[in-house]
mmCIF file of all heavy atoms, coordinates in Angstrom:
data_MODEL
# 
_entry.id   MODEL 
# 
loop_
_atom_site.group_PDB 
_atom_site.id 
_atom_site.type_symbol 
_atom_site.label_atom_id 
_atom_site.label_alt_id 
_atom_site.label_comp_id 
_atom_site.label_asym_id 
_atom_site.label_entity_id 
_atom_site.label_seq_id 
_atom_site.pdbx_PDB_ins_code 
_atom_site.Cartn_x 
_atom_site.Cartn_y 
_atom_site.Cartn_z 
_atom_site.occupancy 
_atom_site.B_iso_or_equiv 
_atom_site.pdbx_formal_charge 
_atom_site.auth_seq_id 
_atom_site.auth_comp_id 
_atom_site.auth_asym_id 
_atom_site.auth_atom_id 
_atom_site.pdbx_PDB_model_num 
ATOM 1   N N   . VAL A 1 1  ? 9.737  26.924 6.390   1.00 0.00 ? 1  VAL A N   1 
ATOM 2   C CA  . VAL A 1 1  ? 10.831 27.281 5.489   1.00 0.00 ? 1  VAL A CA  1 
ATOM 3   C C   . VAL A 1 1  ? 11.139 26.127 4.540   1.00 0.00 ? 1  VAL A C   1 
ATOM 4   O O   . VAL A 1 1  ? 11.264 26.299 3.326   1.00 0.00 ? 1  VAL A O   1 
ATOM 5   C CB  . VAL A 1 1  ? 12.087 27.672 6.291   1.00 0.00 ? 1  VAL A CB  1 
ATOM 6   C CG1 . VAL A 1 1  ? 13.290 27.843 5.359   1.00 0.00 ? 1  VAL A CG1 1 
ATOM 7   C CG2 . VAL A 1 1  ? 11.831 28.950 7.079   1.00 0.00 ? 1  VAL A CG2 1 
ATOM 8   N N   . ALA A 1 2  ? 11.257 24.910 5.104   1.00 0.00 ? 2  ALA A N   1 
ATOM 9   C CA  . ALA A 1 2  ? 11.557 23.745 4.266   1.00 0.00 ? 2  ALA A CA  1 
ATOM 10  C C   . ALA A 1 2  ? 10.442 23.484 3.263   1.00 0.00 ? 2  ALA A C   1 
ATOM 11  O O   . ALA A 1 2  ? 10.694 23.145 2.104   1.00 0.00 ? 2  ALA A O   1 
ATOM 12  C CB  . ALA A 1 2  ? 11.771 22.518 5.147   1.00 0.00 ? 2  ALA A CB  1 
ATOM 13  N N   . ALA A 1 3  ? 9.179  23.646 3.696   1.00 0.00 ? 3  ALA A N   1 
ATOM 14  C CA  . ALA A 1 3  ? 8.056  23.418 2.794   1.00 0.00 ? 3  ALA A CA  1 
ATOM 15  C C   . ALA A 1 3  ? 8.081  24.400 1.628   1.00 0.00 ? 3  ALA A C   1 
ATOM 16  O O   . ALA A 1 3  ? 7.802  24.025 0.476   1.00 0.00 ? 3  ALA A O   1 
ATOM 17  C CB  . ALA A 1 3  ? 6.742  23.545 3.562   1.00 0.00 ? 3  ALA A CB  1 
ATOM 18  N N   . ALA A 1 4  ? 8.433  25.652 1.908   1.00 0.00 ? 4  ALA A N   1 
ATOM 19  C CA  . ALA A 1 4  ? 8.495  26.648 0.837   1.00 0.00 ? 4  ALA A CA  1 
ATOM 20  C C   . ALA A 1 4  ? 9.621  26.329 -0.147  1.00 0.00 ? 4  ALA A C   1 
ATOM 21  O O   . ALA A 1 4  ? 9.453  26.405 -1.368  1.00 0.00 ? 4  ALA A O   1 
ATOM 22  C CB  . ALA A 1 4  ? 8.686  28.038 1.436   1.00 0.00 ? 4  ALA A CB  1 
ATOM 23  N N   . LEU A 1 5  ? 10.791 25.955 0.380   1.00 0.00 ? 5  LEU A N   1 
ATOM 24  C CA  . LEU A 1 5  ? 11.937 25.683 -0.482  1.00 0.00 ? 5  LEU A CA  1 
ATOM 25  C C   . LEU A 1 5  ? 11.785 24.380 -1.263  1.00 0.00 ? 5  LEU A C   1 
ATOM 26  O O   . LEU A 1 5  ? 12.310 24.244 -2.376  1.00 0.00 ? 5  LEU A O   1 
ATOM 27  C CB  . LEU A 1 5  ? 13.217 25.628 0.363   1.00 0.00 ? 5  LEU A CB  1 
ATOM 28  C CG  . LEU A 1 5  ? 13.642 26.938 1.035   1.00 0.00 ? 5  LEU A CG  1 
ATOM 29  C CD1 . LEU A 1 5  ? 14.851 26.707 1.932   1.00 0.00 ? 5  LEU A CD1 1 
ATOM 30  C CD2 . LEU A 1 5  ? 13.958 28.004 -0.012  1.00 0.00 ? 5  LEU A CD2 1 
ATOM 31  N N   . LEU A 1 6  ? 11.079 23.419 -0.672  1.00 0.00 ? 6  LEU A N   1 
ATOM 32  C CA  . LEU A 1 6  ? 10.967 22.103 -1.293  1.00 0.00 ? 6  LEU A CA  1 
ATOM 33  C C   . LEU A 1 6  ? 9.663  21.900 -2.054  1.00 0.00 ? 6  LEU A C   1 
ATOM 34  O O   . LEU A 1 6  ? 9.427  20.802 -2.573  1.00 0.00 ? 6  LEU A O   1 
ATOM 35  C CB  . LEU A 1 6  ? 11.081 21.016 -0.213  1.00 0.00 ? 6  LEU A CB  1 
ATOM 36  C CG  . LEU A 1 6  ? 12.439 20.897 0.471   1.00 0.00 ? 6  LEU A CG  1 
ATOM 37  C CD1 . LEU A 1 6  ? 12.347 19.966 1.663   1.00 0.00 ? 6  LEU A CD1 1 
ATOM 38  C CD2 . LEU A 1 6  ? 13.499 20.399 -0.512  1.00 0.00 ? 6  LEU A CD2 1 
ATOM 39  N N   . ALA A 1 7  ? 8.836  22.928 -2.128  1.00 0.00 ? 7  ALA A N   1 
ATOM 40  C CA  . ALA A 1 7  ? 7.519  22.768 -2.753  1.00 0.00 ? 7  ALA A CA  1 
ATOM 41  C C   . ALA A 1 7  ? 7.634  22.243 -4.181  1.00 0.00 ? 7  ALA A C   1 
ATOM 42  O O   . ALA A 1 7  ? 6.994  21.245 -4.549  1.00 0.00 ? 7  ALA A O   1 
ATOM 43  C CB  . ALA A 1 7  ? 6.766  24.098 -2.717  1.00 0.00 ? 7  ALA A CB  1 
ATOM 44  N N   . TYR A 1 8  ? 8.458  22.902 -5.001  1.00 0.00 ? 8  TYR A N   1 
ATOM 45  C CA  . TYR A 1 8  ? 8.563  22.449 -6.392  1.00 0.00 ? 8  TYR A CA  1 
ATOM 46  C C   . TYR A 1 8  ? 9.283  21.108 -6.516  1.00 0.00 ? 8  TYR A C   1 
ATOM 47  O O   . TYR A 1 8  ? 8.798  20.216 -7.232  1.00 0.00 ? 8  TYR A O   1 
ATOM 48  C CB  . TYR A 1 8  ? 9.257  23.504 -7.248  1.00 0.00 ? 8  TYR A CB  1 
ATOM 49  C CG  . TYR A 1 8  ? 9.462  23.035 -8.677  1.00 0.00 ? 8  TYR A CG  1 
ATOM 50  C CD1 . TYR A 1 8  ? 8.389  22.927 -9.557  1.00 0.00 ? 8  TYR A CD1 1 
ATOM 51  C CD2 . TYR A 1 8  ? 10.731 22.668 -9.132  1.00 0.00 ? 8  TYR A CD2 1 
ATOM 52  C CE1 . TYR A 1 8  ? 8.569  22.473 -10.861 1.00 0.00 ? 8  TYR A CE1 1 
ATOM 53  C CE2 . TYR A 1 8  ? 10.923 22.209 -10.429 1.00 0.00 ? 8  TYR A CE2 1 
ATOM 54  C CZ  . TYR A 1 8  ? 9.833  22.116 -11.289 1.00 0.00 ? 8  TYR A CZ  1 
ATOM 55  O OH  . TYR A 1 8  ? 10.020 21.663 -12.570 1.00 0.00 ? 8  TYR A OH  1 
ATOM 56  N N   . PRO A 1 9  ? 10.442 20.914 -5.867  1.00 0.00 ? 9  PRO A N   1 
ATOM 57  C CA  . PRO A 1 9  ? 11.093 19.594 -5.980  1.00 0.00 ? 9  PRO A CA  1 
ATOM 58  C C   . PRO A 1 9  ? 10.205 18.445 -5.540  1.00 0.00 ? 9  PRO A C   1 
ATOM 59  O O   . PRO A 1 9  ? 10.183 17.388 -6.196  1.00 0.00 ? 9  PRO A O   1 
ATOM 60  C CB  . PRO A 1 9  ? 12.322 19.733 -5.069  1.00 0.00 ? 9  PRO A CB  1 
ATOM 61  C CG  . PRO A 1 9  ? 12.625 21.191 -5.069  1.00 0.00 ? 9  PRO A CG  1 
ATOM 62  C CD  . PRO A 1 9  ? 11.286 21.852 -5.118  1.00 0.00 ? 9  PRO A CD  1 
ATOM 63  N N   . LEU A 1 10 ? 9.444  18.610 -4.455  1.00 0.00 ? 10 LEU A N   1 
ATOM 64  C CA  . LEU A 1 10 ? 8.579  17.529 -4.000  1.00 0.00 ? 10 LEU A CA  1 
ATOM 65  C C   . LEU A 1 10 ? 7.394  17.336 -4.937  1.00 0.00 ? 10 LEU A C   1 
ATOM 66  O O   . LEU A 1 10 ? 6.940  16.204 -5.162  1.00 0.00 ? 10 LEU A O   1 
ATOM 67  C CB  . LEU A 1 10 ? 8.101  17.798 -2.573  1.00 0.00 ? 10 LEU A CB  1 
ATOM 68  C CG  . LEU A 1 10 ? 9.200  17.724 -1.508  1.00 0.00 ? 10 LEU A CG  1 
ATOM 69  C CD1 . LEU A 1 10 ? 8.617  18.005 -0.131  1.00 0.00 ? 10 LEU A CD1 1 
ATOM 70  C CD2 . LEU A 1 10 ? 9.896  16.367 -1.515  1.00 0.00 ? 10 LEU A CD2 1 
ATOM 71  N N   . TRP A 1 11 ? 6.863  18.422 -5.482  1.00 0.00 ? 11 TRP A N   1 
ATOM 72  C CA  . TRP A 1 11 ? 5.810  18.270 -6.484  1.00 0.00 ? 11 TRP A CA  1 
ATOM 73  C C   . TRP A 1 11 ? 6.350  17.481 -7.672  1.00 0.00 ? 11 TRP A C   1 
ATOM 74  O O   . TRP A 1 11 ? 5.681  16.582 -8.196  1.00 0.00 ? 11 TRP A O   1 
ATOM 75  C CB  . TRP A 1 11 ? 5.324  19.634 -6.971  1.00 0.00 ? 11 TRP A CB  1 
ATOM 76  C CG  . TRP A 1 11 ? 4.331  19.500 -8.097  1.00 0.00 ? 11 TRP A CG  1 
ATOM 77  C CD1 . TRP A 1 11 ? 2.987  19.345 -8.002  1.00 0.00 ? 11 TRP A CD1 1 
ATOM 78  C CD2 . TRP A 1 11 ? 4.650  19.461 -9.507  1.00 0.00 ? 11 TRP A CD2 1 
ATOM 79  N NE1 . TRP A 1 11 ? 2.436  19.212 -9.257  1.00 0.00 ? 11 TRP A NE1 1 
ATOM 80  C CE2 . TRP A 1 11 ? 3.427  19.278 -10.210 1.00 0.00 ? 11 TRP A CE2 1 
ATOM 81  C CE3 . TRP A 1 11 ? 5.836  19.559 -10.231 1.00 0.00 ? 11 TRP A CE3 1 
ATOM 82  C CZ2 . TRP A 1 11 ? 3.383  19.195 -11.589 1.00 0.00 ? 11 TRP A CZ2 1 
ATOM 83  C CZ3 . TRP A 1 11 ? 5.783  19.472 -11.616 1.00 0.00 ? 11 TRP A CZ3 1 
ATOM 84  C CH2 . TRP A 1 11 ? 4.556  19.296 -12.282 1.00 0.00 ? 11 TRP A CH2 1 
ATOM 85  N N   . PHE A 1 12 ? 7.553  17.828 -8.104  1.00 0.00 ? 12 PHE A N   1 
ATOM 86  C CA  . PHE A 1 12 ? 8.153  17.131 -9.239  1.00 0.00 ? 12 PHE A CA  1 
ATOM 87  C C   . PHE A 1 12 ? 8.360  15.656 -8.916  1.00 0.00 ? 12 PHE A C   1 
ATOM 88  O O   . PHE A 1 12 ? 8.137  14.780 -9.758  1.00 0.00 ? 12 PHE A O   1 
ATOM 89  C CB  . PHE A 1 12 ? 9.493  17.784 -9.596  1.00 0.00 ? 12 PHE A CB  1 
ATOM 90  C CG  . PHE A 1 12 ? 9.981  17.451 -10.982 1.00 0.00 ? 12 PHE A CG  1 
ATOM 91  C CD1 . PHE A 1 12 ? 9.707  18.285 -12.043 1.00 0.00 ? 12 PHE A CD1 1 
ATOM 92  C CD2 . PHE A 1 12 ? 10.689 16.286 -11.223 1.00 0.00 ? 12 PHE A CD2 1 
ATOM 93  C CE1 . PHE A 1 12 ? 10.143 17.982 -13.334 1.00 0.00 ? 12 PHE A CE1 1 
ATOM 94  C CE2 . PHE A 1 12 ? 11.128 15.957 -12.495 1.00 0.00 ? 12 PHE A CE2 1 
ATOM 95  C CZ  . PHE A 1 12 ? 10.852 16.817 -13.558 1.00 0.00 ? 12 PHE A CZ  1 
ATOM 96  N N   . GLN A 1 13 ? 8.776  15.357 -7.699  1.00 0.00 ? 13 GLN A N   1 
ATOM 97  C CA  . GLN A 1 13 ? 9.016  13.977 -7.295  1.00 0.00 ? 13 GLN A CA  1 
ATOM 98  C C   . GLN A 1 13 ? 7.746  13.143 -7.350  1.00 0.00 ? 13 GLN A C   1 
ATOM 99  O O   . GLN A 1 13 ? 7.761  12.004 -7.836  1.00 0.00 ? 13 GLN A O   1 
ATOM 100 C CB  . GLN A 1 13 ? 9.607  13.945 -5.889  1.00 0.00 ? 13 GLN A CB  1 
ATOM 101 C CG  . GLN A 1 13 ? 9.787  12.538 -5.328  1.00 0.00 ? 13 GLN A CG  1 
ATOM 102 C CD  . GLN A 1 13 ? 10.438 12.547 -3.967  1.00 0.00 ? 13 GLN A CD  1 
ATOM 103 O OE1 . GLN A 1 13 ? 11.041 13.532 -3.556  1.00 0.00 ? 13 GLN A OE1 1 
ATOM 104 N NE2 . GLN A 1 13 ? 10.316 11.450 -3.234  1.00 0.00 ? 13 GLN A NE2 1 
ATOM 105 N N   . PHE A 1 14 ? 6.647  13.691 -6.867  1.00 0.00 ? 14 PHE A N   1 
ATOM 106 C CA  . PHE A 1 14 ? 5.427  12.909 -6.727  1.00 0.00 ? 14 PHE A CA  1 
ATOM 107 C C   . PHE A 1 14 ? 4.428  13.087 -7.866  1.00 0.00 ? 14 PHE A C   1 
ATOM 108 O O   . PHE A 1 14 ? 3.514  12.276 -8.009  1.00 0.00 ? 14 PHE A O   1 
ATOM 109 C CB  . PHE A 1 14 ? 4.746  13.252 -5.397  1.00 0.00 ? 14 PHE A CB  1 
ATOM 110 C CG  . PHE A 1 14 ? 5.541  12.832 -4.204  1.00 0.00 ? 14 PHE A CG  1 
ATOM 111 C CD1 . PHE A 1 14 ? 6.202  13.766 -3.417  1.00 0.00 ? 14 PHE A CD1 1 
ATOM 112 C CD2 . PHE A 1 14 ? 5.658  11.486 -3.867  1.00 0.00 ? 14 PHE A CD2 1 
ATOM 113 C CE1 . PHE A 1 14 ? 6.942  13.373 -2.320  1.00 0.00 ? 14 PHE A CE1 1 
ATOM 114 C CE2 . PHE A 1 14 ? 6.398  11.086 -2.773  1.00 0.00 ? 14 PHE A CE2 1 
ATOM 115 C CZ  . PHE A 1 14 ? 7.047  12.028 -1.998  1.00 0.00 ? 14 PHE A CZ  1 
ATOM 116 N N   . PHE A 1 15 ? 4.614  14.123 -8.696  1.00 0.00 ? 15 PHE A N   1 
ATOM 117 C CA  . PHE A 1 15 ? 3.650  14.355 -9.769  1.00 0.00 ? 15 PHE A CA  1 
ATOM 118 C C   . PHE A 1 15 ? 4.302  14.691 -11.117 1.00 0.00 ? 15 PHE A C   1 
ATOM 119 O O   . PHE A 1 15 ? 3.602  14.813 -12.116 1.00 0.00 ? 15 PHE A O   1 
ATOM 120 C CB  . PHE A 1 15 ? 2.699  15.500 -9.392  1.00 0.00 ? 15 PHE A CB  1 
ATOM 121 C CG  . PHE A 1 15 ? 1.942  15.248 -8.121  1.00 0.00 ? 15 PHE A CG  1 
ATOM 122 C CD1 . PHE A 1 15 ? 2.337  15.849 -6.938  1.00 0.00 ? 15 PHE A CD1 1 
ATOM 123 C CD2 . PHE A 1 15 ? 0.847  14.387 -8.106  1.00 0.00 ? 15 PHE A CD2 1 
ATOM 124 C CE1 . PHE A 1 15 ? 1.645  15.615 -5.758  1.00 0.00 ? 15 PHE A CE1 1 
ATOM 125 C CE2 . PHE A 1 15 ? 0.151  14.142 -6.927  1.00 0.00 ? 15 PHE A CE2 1 
ATOM 126 C CZ  . PHE A 1 15 ? 0.559  14.753 -5.748  1.00 0.00 ? 15 PHE A CZ  1 
ATOM 127 N N   . GLY A 1 16 ? 5.615  14.846 -11.158 1.00 0.00 ? 16 GLY A N   1 
ATOM 128 C CA  . GLY A 1 16 ? 6.293  15.213 -12.394 1.00 0.00 ? 16 GLY A CA  1 
ATOM 129 C C   . GLY A 1 16 ? 6.471  14.038 -13.327 1.00 0.00 ? 16 GLY A C   1 
ATOM 130 O O   . GLY A 1 16 ? 6.047  12.903 -13.038 1.00 0.00 ? 16 GLY A O   1 
ATOM 131 N N   . PRO A 1 17 ? 7.099  14.251 -14.475 1.00 0.00 ? 17 PRO A N   1 
ATOM 132 C CA  . PRO A 1 17 ? 7.330  13.165 -15.435 1.00 0.00 ? 17 PRO A CA  1 
ATOM 133 C C   . PRO A 1 17 ? 8.116  12.021 -14.804 1.00 0.00 ? 17 PRO A C   1 
ATOM 134 O O   . PRO A 1 17 ? 9.100  12.247 -14.107 1.00 0.00 ? 17 PRO A O   1 
ATOM 135 C CB  . PRO A 1 17 ? 8.160  13.849 -16.540 1.00 0.00 ? 17 PRO A CB  1 
ATOM 136 C CG  . PRO A 1 17 ? 7.917  15.310 -16.368 1.00 0.00 ? 17 PRO A CG  1 
ATOM 137 C CD  . PRO A 1 17 ? 7.649  15.536 -14.927 1.00 0.00 ? 17 PRO A CD  1 
ATOM 138 N N   . GLY A 1 18 ? 7.657  10.798 -15.045 1.00 0.00 ? 18 GLY A N   1 
ATOM 139 C CA  . GLY A 1 18 ? 8.349  9.643  -14.520 1.00 0.00 ? 18 GLY A CA  1 
ATOM 140 C C   . GLY A 1 18 ? 8.098  9.353  -13.051 1.00 0.00 ? 18 GLY A C   1 
ATOM 141 O O   . GLY A 1 18 ? 8.802  8.530  -12.463 1.00 0.00 ? 18 GLY A O   1 
ATOM 142 N N   . HIS A 1 19 ? 7.088  10.002 -12.460 1.00 0.00 ? 19 HIS A N   1 
ATOM 143 C CA  . HIS A 1 19 ? 6.807  9.727  -11.041 1.00 0.00 ? 19 HIS A CA  1 
ATOM 144 C C   . HIS A 1 19 ? 6.168  8.352  -10.901 1.00 0.00 ? 19 HIS A C   1 
ATOM 145 O O   . HIS A 1 19 ? 5.661  7.774  -11.868 1.00 0.00 ? 19 HIS A O   1 
ATOM 146 C CB  . HIS A 1 19 ? 5.891  10.793 -10.462 1.00 0.00 ? 19 HIS A CB  1 
ATOM 147 C CG  . HIS A 1 19 ? 4.460  10.701 -10.934 1.00 0.00 ? 19 HIS A CG  1 
ATOM 148 N ND1 . HIS A 1 19 ? 4.022  11.298 -12.095 1.00 0.00 ? 19 HIS A ND1 1 
ATOM 149 C CD2 . HIS A 1 19 ? 3.382  10.071 -10.409 1.00 0.00 ? 19 HIS A CD2 1 
ATOM 150 C CE1 . HIS A 1 19 ? 2.732  11.049 -12.255 1.00 0.00 ? 19 HIS A CE1 1 
ATOM 151 N NE2 . HIS A 1 19 ? 2.313  10.300 -11.248 1.00 0.00 ? 19 HIS A NE2 1 
ATOM 152 N N   . TYR A 1 20 ? 6.208  7.816  -9.710  1.00 0.00 ? 20 TYR A N   1 
ATOM 153 C CA  . TYR A 1 20 ? 5.669  6.479  -9.455  1.00 0.00 ? 20 TYR A CA  1 
ATOM 154 C C   . TYR A 1 20 ? 5.053  6.439  -8.068  1.00 0.00 ? 20 TYR A C   1 
ATOM 155 O O   . TYR A 1 20 ? 5.162  7.395  -7.287  1.00 0.00 ? 20 TYR A O   1 
ATOM 156 C CB  . TYR A 1 20 ? 6.769  5.415  -9.589  1.00 0.00 ? 20 TYR A CB  1 
ATOM 157 C CG  . TYR A 1 20 ? 7.973  5.658  -8.702  1.00 0.00 ? 20 TYR A CG  1 
ATOM 158 C CD1 . TYR A 1 20 ? 7.994  5.228  -7.376  1.00 0.00 ? 20 TYR A CD1 1 
ATOM 159 C CD2 . TYR A 1 20 ? 9.107  6.307  -9.193  1.00 0.00 ? 20 TYR A CD2 1 
ATOM 160 C CE1 . TYR A 1 20 ? 9.092  5.453  -6.561  1.00 0.00 ? 20 TYR A CE1 1 
ATOM 161 C CE2 . TYR A 1 20 ? 10.205 6.538  -8.384  1.00 0.00 ? 20 TYR A CE2 1 
ATOM 162 C CZ  . TYR A 1 20 ? 10.198 6.109  -7.078  1.00 0.00 ? 20 TYR A CZ  1 
ATOM 163 O OH  . TYR A 1 20 ? 11.286 6.336  -6.276  1.00 0.00 ? 20 TYR A OH  1 
ATOM 164 N N   . ARG A 1 21 ? 4.412  5.315  -7.773  1.00 0.00 ? 21 ARG A N   1 
ATOM 165 C CA  . ARG A 1 21 ? 3.760  5.125  -6.473  1.00 0.00 ? 21 ARG A CA  1 
ATOM 166 C C   . ARG A 1 21 ? 4.343  3.880  -5.799  1.00 0.00 ? 21 ARG A C   1 
ATOM 167 O O   . ARG A 1 21 ? 4.560  2.858  -6.438  1.00 0.00 ? 21 ARG A O   1 
ATOM 168 C CB  . ARG A 1 21 ? 2.248  4.935  -6.652  1.00 0.00 ? 21 ARG A CB  1 
ATOM 169 C CG  . ARG A 1 21 ? 1.543  6.143  -7.248  1.00 0.00 ? 21 ARG A CG  1 
ATOM 170 C CD  . ARG A 1 21 ? 1.376  7.251  -6.203  1.00 0.00 ? 21 ARG A CD  1 
ATOM 171 N NE  . ARG A 1 21 ? 0.638  8.384  -6.763  1.00 0.00 ? 21 ARG A NE  1 
ATOM 172 C CZ  . ARG A 1 21 ? 1.202  9.472  -7.275  1.00 0.00 ? 21 ARG A CZ  1 
ATOM 173 N NH1 . ARG A 1 21 ? 2.522  9.579  -7.310  1.00 0.00 ? 21 ARG A NH1 1 
ATOM 174 N NH2 . ARG A 1 21 ? 0.473  10.449 -7.769  1.00 0.00 ? 21 ARG A NH2 1 
ATOM 175 N N   . GLY A 1 22 ? 4.570  3.977  -4.497  1.00 0.00 ? 22 GLY A N   1 
ATOM 176 C CA  . GLY A 1 22 ? 5.039  2.826  -3.751  1.00 0.00 ? 22 GLY A CA  1 
ATOM 177 C C   . GLY A 1 22 ? 6.496  2.522  -4.033  1.00 0.00 ? 22 GLY A C   1 
ATOM 178 O O   . GLY A 1 22 ? 7.284  3.377  -4.460  1.00 0.00 ? 22 GLY A O   1 
ATOM 179 N N   . LEU A 1 23 ? 6.876  1.270  -3.797  1.00 0.00 ? 23 LEU A N   1 
ATOM 180 C CA  . LEU A 1 23 ? 8.232  0.804  -4.017  1.00 0.00 ? 23 LEU A CA  1 
ATOM 181 C C   . LEU A 1 23 ? 8.206  -0.440 -4.903  1.00 0.00 ? 23 LEU A C   1 
ATOM 182 O O   . LEU A 1 23 ? 7.208  -1.169 -4.916  1.00 0.00 ? 23 LEU A O   1 
ATOM 183 C CB  . LEU A 1 23 ? 8.915  0.472  -2.684  1.00 0.00 ? 23 LEU A CB  1 
ATOM 184 C CG  . LEU A 1 23 ? 9.204  1.655  -1.752  1.00 0.00 ? 23 LEU A CG  1 
ATOM 185 C CD1 . LEU A 1 23 ? 9.709  1.155  -0.408  1.00 0.00 ? 23 LEU A CD1 1 
ATOM 186 C CD2 . LEU A 1 23 ? 10.215 2.616  -2.378  1.00 0.00 ? 23 LEU A CD2 1 
ATOM 187 N N   . PRO A 1 24 ? 9.295  -0.723 -5.599  1.00 0.00 ? 24 PRO A N   1 
ATOM 188 C CA  . PRO A 1 24 ? 9.308  -1.909 -6.468  1.00 0.00 ? 24 PRO A CA  1 
ATOM 189 C C   . PRO A 1 24 ? 9.615  -3.202 -5.722  1.00 0.00 ? 24 PRO A C   1 
ATOM 190 O O   . PRO A 1 24 ? 9.858  -4.232 -6.338  1.00 0.00 ? 24 PRO A O   1 
ATOM 191 C CB  . PRO A 1 24 ? 10.420 -1.579 -7.469  1.00 0.00 ? 24 PRO A CB  1 
ATOM 192 C CG  . PRO A 1 24 ? 11.345 -0.709 -6.713  1.00 0.00 ? 24 PRO A CG  1 
ATOM 193 C CD  . PRO A 1 24 ? 10.492 0.113  -5.788  1.00 0.00 ? 24 PRO A CD  1 
ATOM 194 N N   . PHE A 1 25 ? 9.629  -3.140 -4.399  1.00 0.00 ? 25 PHE A N   1 
ATOM 195 C CA  . PHE A 1 25 ? 9.901  -4.320 -3.591  1.00 0.00 ? 25 PHE A CA  1 
ATOM 196 C C   . PHE A 1 25 ? 9.135  -4.193 -2.283  1.00 0.00 ? 25 PHE A C   1 
ATOM 197 O O   . PHE A 1 25 ? 8.654  -3.102 -1.931  1.00 0.00 ? 25 PHE A O   1 
ATOM 198 C CB  . PHE A 1 25 ? 11.396 -4.460 -3.308  1.00 0.00 ? 25 PHE A CB  1 
ATOM 199 C CG  . PHE A 1 25 ? 12.007 -3.250 -2.643  1.00 0.00 ? 25 PHE A CG  1 
ATOM 200 C CD1 . PHE A 1 25 ? 12.036 -3.125 -1.255  1.00 0.00 ? 25 PHE A CD1 1 
ATOM 201 C CD2 . PHE A 1 25 ? 12.544 -2.221 -3.401  1.00 0.00 ? 25 PHE A CD2 1 
ATOM 202 C CE1 . PHE A 1 25 ? 12.579 -2.008 -0.647  1.00 0.00 ? 25 PHE A CE1 1 
ATOM 203 C CE2 . PHE A 1 25 ? 13.089 -1.095 -2.808  1.00 0.00 ? 25 PHE A CE2 1 
ATOM 204 C CZ  . PHE A 1 25 ? 13.106 -0.989 -1.429  1.00 0.00 ? 25 PHE A CZ  1 
ATOM 205 N N   . GLU A 1 26 ? 9.022  -5.269 -1.569  1.00 0.00 ? 26 GLU A N   1 
ATOM 206 C CA  . GLU A 1 26 ? 8.349  -5.279 -0.274  1.00 0.00 ? 26 GLU A CA  1 
ATOM 207 C C   . GLU A 1 26 ? 9.382  -4.950 0.809   1.00 0.00 ? 26 GLU A C   1 
ATOM 208 O O   . GLU A 1 26 ? 10.296 -5.745 1.066   1.00 0.00 ? 26 GLU A O   1 
ATOM 209 C CB  . GLU A 1 26 ? 7.731  -6.652 0.001   1.00 0.00 ? 26 GLU A CB  1 
ATOM 210 C CG  . GLU A 1 26 ? 7.149  -6.821 1.389   1.00 0.00 ? 26 GLU A CG  1 
ATOM 211 C CD  . GLU A 1 26 ? 6.126  -5.751 1.739   1.00 0.00 ? 26 GLU A CD  1 
ATOM 212 O OE1 . GLU A 1 26 ? 5.283  -5.438 0.880   1.00 0.00 ? 26 GLU A OE1 1 
ATOM 213 O OE2 . GLU A 1 26 ? 6.180  -5.224 2.878   1.00 0.00 ? 26 GLU A OE2 1 
ATOM 214 N N   . PRO A 1 27 ? 9.284  -3.771 1.464   1.00 0.00 ? 27 PRO A N   1 
ATOM 215 C CA  . PRO A 1 27 ? 10.308 -3.409 2.449   1.00 0.00 ? 27 PRO A CA  1 
ATOM 216 C C   . PRO A 1 27 ? 10.494 -4.454 3.540   1.00 0.00 ? 27 PRO A C   1 
ATOM 217 O O   . PRO A 1 27 ? 11.618 -4.713 3.979   1.00 0.00 ? 27 PRO A O   1 
ATOM 218 C CB  . PRO A 1 27 ? 9.776  -2.085 3.026   1.00 0.00 ? 27 PRO A CB  1 
ATOM 219 C CG  . PRO A 1 27 ? 8.897  -1.529 1.961   1.00 0.00 ? 27 PRO A CG  1 
ATOM 220 C CD  . PRO A 1 27 ? 8.275  -2.720 1.296   1.00 0.00 ? 27 PRO A CD  1 
# 
């Protein structure tokens, strides 16, 4: 259920405009 509801938001987060990889700091 969560995967179906979050499919587009998560795609947007990881592949949409302004997406990025990693973090800007060392955790």
